[in-house]
PDB file of N, CA and C in Angstrom:
ATOM      1  N   MET A   1      51.629 117.031 216.308  1.00  0.00           N
ATOM      2  CA  MET A   1      50.318 117.654 216.222  1.00  0.00           C
ATOM      3  C   MET A   1      49.713 117.730 217.620  1.00  0.00           C
ATOM      4  N   GLY A   2      49.025 118.826 217.910  1.00  0.00           N
ATOM      5  CA  GLY A   2      48.433 119.037 219.234  1.00  0.00           C
ATOM      6  C   GLY A   2      47.109 118.326 219.397  1.00  0.00           C
ATOM      7  N   ARG A   3      46.610 118.395 220.614  1.00  0.00           N
ATOM      8  CA  ARG A   3      45.302 117.794 220.889  1.00  0.00           C
ATOM      9  C   ARG A   3      44.192 118.560 220.194  1.00  0.00           C
ATOM     10  N   ALA A   4      43.143 117.849 219.867  1.00  0.00           N
ATOM     11  CA  ALA A   4      41.987 118.488 219.238  1.00  0.00           C
ATOM     12  C   ALA A   4      41.309 119.422 220.238  1.00  0.00           C
ATOM     13  N   ARG A   5      40.729 120.479 219.732  1.00  0.00           N
ATOM     14  CA  ARG A   5      40.003 121.422 220.595  1.00  0.00           C
ATOM     15  C   ARG A   5      38.653 120.829 220.950  1.00  0.00           C
ATOM     16  N   SER A   6      38.178 121.165 222.126  1.00  0.00           N
ATOM     17  CA  SER A   6      36.832 120.725 222.471  1.00  0.00           C
ATOM     18  C   SER A   6      35.835 121.646 221.765  1.00  0.00           C
ATOM     19  N   LYS A   7      34.619 121.170 221.562  1.00  0.00           N
ATOM     20  CA  LYS A   7      33.628 121.956 220.833  1.00  0.00           C
ATOM     21  C   LYS A   7      33.327 123.278 221.513  1.00  0.00           C
ATOM     22  N   SER A   8      33.409 123.324 222.825  1.00  0.00           N
ATOM     23  CA  SER A   8      33.113 124.565 223.538  1.00  0.00           C
ATOM     24  C   SER A   8      34.195 125.627 223.339  1.00  0.00           C
ATOM     25  N   ASP A   9      35.372 125.222 222.854  1.00  0.00           N
ATOM     26  CA  ASP A   9      36.459 126.171 222.615  1.00  0.00           C
ATOM     27  C   ASP A   9      36.417 126.795 221.218  1.00  0.00           C
ATOM     28  N   LEU A  10      35.556 126.278 220.349  1.00  0.00           N
ATOM     29  CA  LEU A  10      35.502 126.773 218.976  1.00  0.00           C
ATOM     30  C   LEU A  10      34.811 128.133 218.920  1.00  0.00           C
ATOM     31  N   PRO A  11      35.241 128.989 217.986  1.00  0.00           N
ATOM     32  CA  PRO A  11      34.603 130.301 217.862  1.00  0.00           C
ATOM     33  C   PRO A  11      33.168 130.179 217.350  1.00  0.00           C
ATOM     34  N   THR A  12      32.333 131.136 217.709  1.00  0.00           N
ATOM     35  CA  THR A  12      30.946 131.146 217.256  1.00  0.00           C
ATOM     36  C   THR A  12      30.595 132.517 216.694  1.00  0.00           C
ATOM     37  N   LYS A  13      29.537 132.550 215.906  1.00  0.00           N
ATOM     38  CA  LYS A  13      28.972 133.784 215.365  1.00  0.00           C
ATOM     39  C   LYS A  13      27.461 133.680 215.470  1.00  0.00           C
ATOM     40  N   ILE A  14      26.770 134.818 215.315  1.00  0.00           N
ATOM     41  CA  ILE A  14      25.312 134.847 215.299  1.00  0.00           C
ATOM     42  C   ILE A  14      24.861 135.062 213.854  1.00  0.00           C
ATOM     43  N   CYS A  15      23.979 134.206 213.389  1.00  0.00           N
ATOM     44  CA  CYS A  15      23.458 134.323 212.023  1.00  0.00           C
ATOM     45  C   CYS A  15      22.520 135.528 211.949  1.00  0.00           C
ATOM     46  N   PRO A  16      22.721 136.442 211.000  1.00  0.00           N
ATOM     47  CA  PRO A  16      21.862 137.628 210.908  1.00  0.00           C
ATOM     48  C   PRO A  16      20.440 137.317 210.439  1.00  0.00           C
ATOM     49  N   VAL A  17      20.202 136.150 209.871  1.00  0.00           N
ATOM     50  CA  VAL A  17      18.872 135.791 209.377  1.00  0.00           C
ATOM     51  C   VAL A  17      18.039 135.149 210.481  1.00  0.00           C
ATOM     52  N   CYS A  18      18.561 134.078 211.090  1.00  0.00           N
ATOM     53  CA  CYS A  18      17.763 133.345 212.085  1.00  0.00           C
ATOM     54  C   CYS A  18      18.103 133.724 213.525  1.00  0.00           C
ATOM     55  N   GLN A  19      19.139 134.546 213.714  1.00  0.00           N
ATOM     56  CA  GLN A  19      19.566 135.025 215.037  1.00  0.00           C
ATOM     57  C   GLN A  19      20.033 133.901 215.966  1.00  0.00           C
ATOM     58  N   ARG A  20      20.454 132.777 215.403  1.00  0.00           N
ATOM     59  CA  ARG A  20      20.959 131.667 216.208  1.00  0.00           C
ATOM     60  C   ARG A  20      22.477 131.633 216.138  1.00  0.00           C
ATOM     61  N   PRO A  21      23.113 131.202 217.213  1.00  0.00           N
ATOM     62  CA  PRO A  21      24.567 131.054 217.164  1.00  0.00           C
ATOM     63  C   PRO A  21      24.964 129.832 216.337  1.00  0.00           C
ATOM     64  N   PHE A  22      26.069 129.947 215.610  1.00  0.00           N
ATOM     65  CA  PHE A  22      26.612 128.783 214.921  1.00  0.00           C
ATOM     66  C   PHE A  22      28.115 128.727 215.166  1.00  0.00           C
ATOM     67  N   THR A  23      28.664 127.540 215.098  1.00  0.00           N
ATOM     68  CA  THR A  23      30.037 127.274 215.493  1.00  0.00           C
ATOM     69  C   THR A  23      30.922 127.032 214.275  1.00  0.00           C
ATOM     70  N   TRP A  24      32.198 127.382 214.423  1.00  0.00           N
ATOM     71  CA  TRP A  24      33.215 127.136 213.406  1.00  0.00           C
ATOM     72  C   TRP A  24      33.184 125.688 212.952  1.00  0.00           C
ATOM     73  N   ARG A  25      33.358 125.474 211.647  1.00  0.00           N
ATOM     74  CA  ARG A  25      33.448 124.126 211.085  1.00  0.00           C
ATOM     75  C   ARG A  25      34.732 124.010 210.288  1.00  0.00           C
ATOM     76  N   LYS A  26      35.246 122.802 210.216  1.00  0.00           N
ATOM     77  CA  LYS A  26      36.502 122.586 209.514  1.00  0.00           C
ATOM     78  C   LYS A  26      36.445 123.065 208.066  1.00  0.00           C
ATOM     79  N   LYS A  27      35.287 122.897 207.410  1.00  0.00           N
ATOM     80  CA  LYS A  27      35.189 123.334 206.009  1.00  0.00           C
ATOM     81  C   LYS A  27      35.325 124.849 205.866  1.00  0.00           C
ATOM     82  N   TRP A  28      35.154 125.588 206.983  1.00  0.00           N
ATOM     83  CA  TRP A  28      35.286 127.037 206.961  1.00  0.00           C
ATOM     84  C   TRP A  28      36.657 127.516 207.449  1.00  0.00           C
ATOM     85  N   GLN A  29      37.610 126.608 207.643  1.00  0.00           N
ATOM     86  CA  GLN A  29      38.877 127.018 208.262  1.00  0.00           C
ATOM     87  C   GLN A  29      39.623 128.080 207.457  1.00  0.00           C
ATOM     88  N   ASP A  30      39.494 128.068 206.133  1.00  0.00           N
ATOM     89  CA  ASP A  30      40.208 129.041 205.309  1.00  0.00           C
ATOM     90  C   ASP A  30      39.410 130.313 205.043  1.00  0.00           C
ATOM     91  N   CYS A  31      38.117 130.326 205.405  1.00  0.00           N
ATOM     92  CA  CYS A  31      37.289 131.494 205.069  1.00  0.00           C
ATOM     93  C   CYS A  31      36.377 131.907 206.221  1.00  0.00           C
ATOM     94  N   TRP A  32      36.740 131.594 207.458  1.00  0.00           N
ATOM     95  CA  TRP A  32      35.871 131.896 208.615  1.00  0.00           C
ATOM     96  C   TRP A  32      35.517 133.374 208.697  1.00  0.00           C
ATOM     97  N   ASP A  33      36.447 134.244 208.339  1.00  0.00           N
ATOM     98  CA  ASP A  33      36.172 135.682 208.422  1.00  0.00           C
ATOM     99  C   ASP A  33      35.075 136.124 207.455  1.00  0.00           C
ATOM    100  N   GLU A  34      34.908 135.401 206.347  1.00  0.00           N
ATOM    101  CA  GLU A  34      33.887 135.753 205.362  1.00  0.00           C
ATOM    102  C   GLU A  34      32.545 135.085 205.631  1.00  0.00           C
ATOM    103  N   VAL A  35      32.513 134.071 206.485  1.00  0.00           N
ATOM    104  CA  VAL A  35      31.268 133.341 206.754  1.00  0.00           C
ATOM    105  C   VAL A  35      30.318 134.242 207.547  1.00  0.00           C
ATOM    106  N   LYS A  36      29.085 134.389 207.044  1.00  0.00           N
ATOM    107  CA  LYS A  36      28.096 135.236 207.716  1.00  0.00           C
ATOM    108  C   LYS A  36      26.854 134.474 208.123  1.00  0.00           C
ATOM    109  N   TYR A  37      26.530 133.418 207.383  1.00  0.00           N
ATOM    110  CA  TYR A  37      25.267 132.705 207.579  1.00  0.00           C
ATOM    111  C   TYR A  37      25.530 131.284 208.062  1.00  0.00           C
ATOM    112  N   CYS A  38      24.617 130.773 208.880  1.00  0.00           N
ATOM    113  CA  CYS A  38      24.802 129.449 209.472  1.00  0.00           C
ATOM    114  C   CYS A  38      24.553 128.324 208.485  1.00  0.00           C
ATOM    115  N   SER A  39      23.802 128.614 207.429  1.00  0.00           N
ATOM    116  CA  SER A  39      23.434 127.553 206.493  1.00  0.00           C
ATOM    117  C   SER A  39      23.152 128.134 205.115  1.00  0.00           C
ATOM    118  N   GLU A  40      23.065 127.251 204.149  1.00  0.00           N
ATOM    119  CA  GLU A  40      22.704 127.658 202.795  1.00  0.00           C
ATOM    120  C   GLU A  40      21.281 128.241 202.774  1.00  0.00           C
ATOM    121  N   ARG A  41      20.398 127.669 203.579  1.00  0.00           N
ATOM    122  CA  ARG A  41      19.021 128.166 203.653  1.00  0.00           C
ATOM    123  C   ARG A  41      18.995 129.622 204.112  1.00  0.00           C
ATOM    124  N   CYS A  42      19.751 129.936 205.156  1.00  0.00           N
ATOM    125  CA  CYS A  42      19.786 131.324 205.640  1.00  0.00           C
ATOM    126  C   CYS A  42      20.465 132.240 204.629  1.00  0.00           C
ATOM    127  N   ARG A  43      21.470 131.743 203.932  1.00  0.00           N
ATOM    128  CA  ARG A  43      22.126 132.570 202.923  1.00  0.00           C
ATOM    129  C   ARG A  43      21.139 132.947 201.827  1.00  0.00           C
ATOM    130  N   ARG A  44      20.276 132.004 201.439  1.00  0.00           N
ATOM    131  CA  ARG A  44      19.266 132.295 200.419  1.00  0.00           C
ATOM    132  C   ARG A  44      18.203 133.257 200.925  1.00  0.00           C
ATOM    133  N   ARG A  45      17.928 133.225 202.222  1.00  0.00           N
ATOM    134  CA  ARG A  45      16.878 134.076 202.801  1.00  0.00           C
ATOM    135  C   ARG A  45      17.418 135.431 203.271  1.00  0.00           C
ATOM    136  N   ARG A  46      18.673 135.747 202.976  1.00  0.00           N
ATOM    137  CA  ARG A  46      19.299 136.972 203.507  1.00  0.00           C
ATOM    138  C   ARG A  46      18.568 138.238 203.117  1.00  0.00           C
ATOM    139  N   SER A  47      17.950 138.268 201.939  1.00  0.00           N
ATOM    140  CA  SER A  47      17.265 139.485 201.511  1.00  0.00           C
ATOM    141  C   SER A  47      16.062 139.792 202.412  1.00  0.00           C
ATOM    142  N   GLU A  48      15.438 138.760 202.960  1.00  0.00           N
ATOM    143  CA  GLU A  48      14.313 138.975 203.869  1.00  0.00           C
ATOM    144  C   GLU A  48      14.782 139.615 205.183  1.00  0.00           C
ATOM    145  N   ALA A  49      15.980 139.280 205.607  1.00  0.00           N
ATOM    146  CA  ALA A  49      16.494 139.782 206.876  1.00  0.00           C
ATOM    147  C   ALA A  49      16.984 141.222 206.752  1.00  0.00           C
ATOM    148  N   GLU A  50      17.387 141.626 205.571  1.00  0.00           N
ATOM    149  CA  GLU A  50      17.944 142.975 205.385  1.00  0.00           C
ATOM    150  C   GLU A  50      16.874 144.046 205.357  1.00  0.00           C
ATOM    151  N   THR A  51      15.661 143.685 205.052  1.00  0.00           N
ATOM    152  CA  THR A  51      14.604 144.705 204.936  1.00  0.00           C
ATOM    153  C   THR A  51      13.966 145.019 206.262  1.00  0.00           C
TER     154      THR A  51
END
């Protein structure tokens, strides 16, 4: 097994609701391409951001 990646090497995205960057998490390793929101709170507030 290889060395662990440093946090600065992890991919990031911008949350469309709060406009903040968020970083890849291990729990998202199988679905990173589908992840759009940084948190459950932002996912619930997505309708406010779309209007």
